[in-house]
Amino acid sequence: SPYDFFGTQSHPQYSKITKEQRANRLLLRNLMLTNDFIPYENEWWHFTLKNEPFPKTYFNFPIK
């Protein structure tokens, strides 16, 4: 799919991908779950830290 595509192809359980793509998605998901991240169910790459220390803060500054 294109970069930052948000259609059904971006869903974690989308089935019309290669075995390698599926394995890579599952690898990322398992690593993130193991390290206290919560998956966003509509995007295979999107996770949030479970115990976010600043949940109501929007950071808008350059990082060097």
C-alpha atoms as a PDB file:
ATOM      1  CA  SER A   1       0.000   0.000   0.000  1.00  0.00           C
ATOM      2  CA  PRO A   2       1.109   3.622  -0.337  1.00  0.00           C
ATOM      3  CA  TYR A   3       2.912   5.416   2.494  1.00  0.00           C
ATOM      4  CA  ASP A   4       0.602   6.284   5.417  1.00  0.00           C
ATOM      5  CA  PHE A   5      -2.313   4.485   3.779  1.00  0.00           C
ATOM      6  CA  PHE A   6      -5.254   4.070   6.173  1.00  0.00           C
ATOM      7  CA  GLY A   7      -7.542   1.710   4.248  1.00  0.00           C
ATOM      8  CA  THR A   8      -8.279  -1.930   5.019  1.00  0.00           C
ATOM      9  CA  GLN A   9      -4.794  -2.967   3.841  1.00  0.00           C
ATOM     10  CA  SER A  10      -3.403  -1.225   6.916  1.00  0.00           C
ATOM     11  CA  HIS A  11      -5.466  -3.331   9.323  1.00  0.00           C
ATOM     12  CA  PRO A  12      -3.347  -5.807  11.316  1.00  0.00           C
ATOM     13  CA  GLN A  13      -5.459  -8.792  10.280  1.00  0.00           C
ATOM     14  CA  TYR A  14      -5.609  -7.955   6.560  1.00  0.00           C
ATOM     15  CA  SER A  15      -5.200 -11.298   4.800  1.00  0.00           C
ATOM     16  CA  LYS A  16      -4.196 -10.400   1.227  1.00  0.00           C
ATOM     17  CA  ILE A  17      -0.474  -9.965   1.947  1.00  0.00           C
ATOM     18  CA  THR A  18       2.521 -12.245   1.544  1.00  0.00           C
ATOM     19  CA  LYS A  19       3.668 -14.648   4.239  1.00  0.00           C
ATOM     20  CA  GLU A  20       6.754 -12.486   4.762  1.00  0.00           C
ATOM     21  CA  GLN A  21       4.656  -9.338   5.191  1.00  0.00           C
ATOM     22  CA  ARG A  22       2.392 -11.122   7.665  1.00  0.00           C
ATOM     23  CA  ALA A  23       5.396 -12.429   9.616  1.00  0.00           C
ATOM     24  CA  ASN A  24       6.906  -8.931   9.772  1.00  0.00           C
ATOM     25  CA  ARG A  25       3.645  -7.416  10.989  1.00  0.00           C
ATOM     26  CA  LEU A  26       3.339 -10.068  13.689  1.00  0.00           C
ATOM     27  CA  LEU A  27       6.974  -9.626  14.704  1.00  0.00           C
ATOM     28  CA  LEU A  28       6.472  -5.894  15.240  1.00  0.00           C
ATOM     29  CA  ARG A  29       3.186  -6.455  17.074  1.00  0.00           C
ATOM     30  CA  ASN A  30       4.663  -9.070  19.416  1.00  0.00           C
ATOM     31  CA  LEU A  31       7.706  -6.935  20.190  1.00  0.00           C
ATOM     32  CA  MET A  32       5.581  -3.901  20.933  1.00  0.00           C
ATOM     33  CA  LEU A  33       3.120  -5.837  23.106  1.00  0.00           C
ATOM     34  CA  THR A  34       6.016  -7.365  25.034  1.00  0.00           C
ATOM     35  CA  ASN A  35       7.352  -3.877  25.721  1.00  0.00           C
ATOM     36  CA  ASP A  36       4.150  -2.371  27.136  1.00  0.00           C
ATOM     37  CA  PHE A  37       2.646  -0.794  24.046  1.00  0.00           C
ATOM     38  CA  ILE A  38      -1.024  -0.957  23.085  1.00  0.00           C
ATOM     39  CA  PRO A  39      -1.860  -1.535  19.407  1.00  0.00           C
ATOM     40  CA  TYR A  40      -4.256   0.649  17.465  1.00  0.00           C
ATOM     41  CA  GLU A  41      -6.489  -1.951  15.838  1.00  0.00           C
ATOM     42  CA  ASN A  42      -6.838  -0.236  12.435  1.00  0.00           C
ATOM     43  CA  GLU A  43      -3.135   0.266  11.619  1.00  0.00           C
ATOM     44  CA  TRP A  44      -0.538  -2.480  11.915  1.00  0.00           C
ATOM     45  CA  TRP A  45       2.255   0.033  12.638  1.00  0.00           C
ATOM     46  CA  HIS A  46       0.480   2.260  15.183  1.00  0.00           C
ATOM     47  CA  PHE A  47       1.080   1.725  18.929  1.00  0.00           C
ATOM     48  CA  THR A  48       0.750   3.782  22.098  1.00  0.00           C
ATOM     49  CA  LEU A  49       2.796   3.419  25.258  1.00  0.00           C
ATOM     50  CA  LYS A  50       0.602   1.697  27.867  1.00  0.00           C
ATOM     51  CA  ASN A  51       1.577   3.957  30.762  1.00  0.00           C
ATOM     52  CA  GLU A  52       2.069   7.167  28.833  1.00  0.00           C
ATOM     53  CA  PRO A  53       3.680   9.664  31.266  1.00  0.00           C
ATOM     54  CA  PHE A  54       2.156  12.727  29.525  1.00  0.00           C
ATOM     55  CA  PRO A  55      -1.173  11.562  28.063  1.00  0.00           C
ATOM     56  CA  LYS A  56      -2.719  15.044  27.804  1.00  0.00           C
ATOM     57  CA  THR A  57       0.384  16.882  26.553  1.00  0.00           C
ATOM     58  CA  TYR A  58       1.026  17.804  22.932  1.00  0.00           C
ATOM     59  CA  PHE A  59       4.735  18.336  22.322  1.00  0.00           C
ATOM     60  CA  ASN A  60       5.468  20.809  19.565  1.00  0.00           C
ATOM     61  CA  PHE A  61       9.200  21.466  19.462  1.00  0.00           C
ATOM     62  CA  PRO A  62      12.120  20.377  17.303  1.00  0.00           C
ATOM     63  CA  ILE A  63      14.217  17.459  18.472  1.00  0.00           C
ATOM     64  CA  LYS A  64      17.920  17.463  17.662  1.00  0.00           C
END
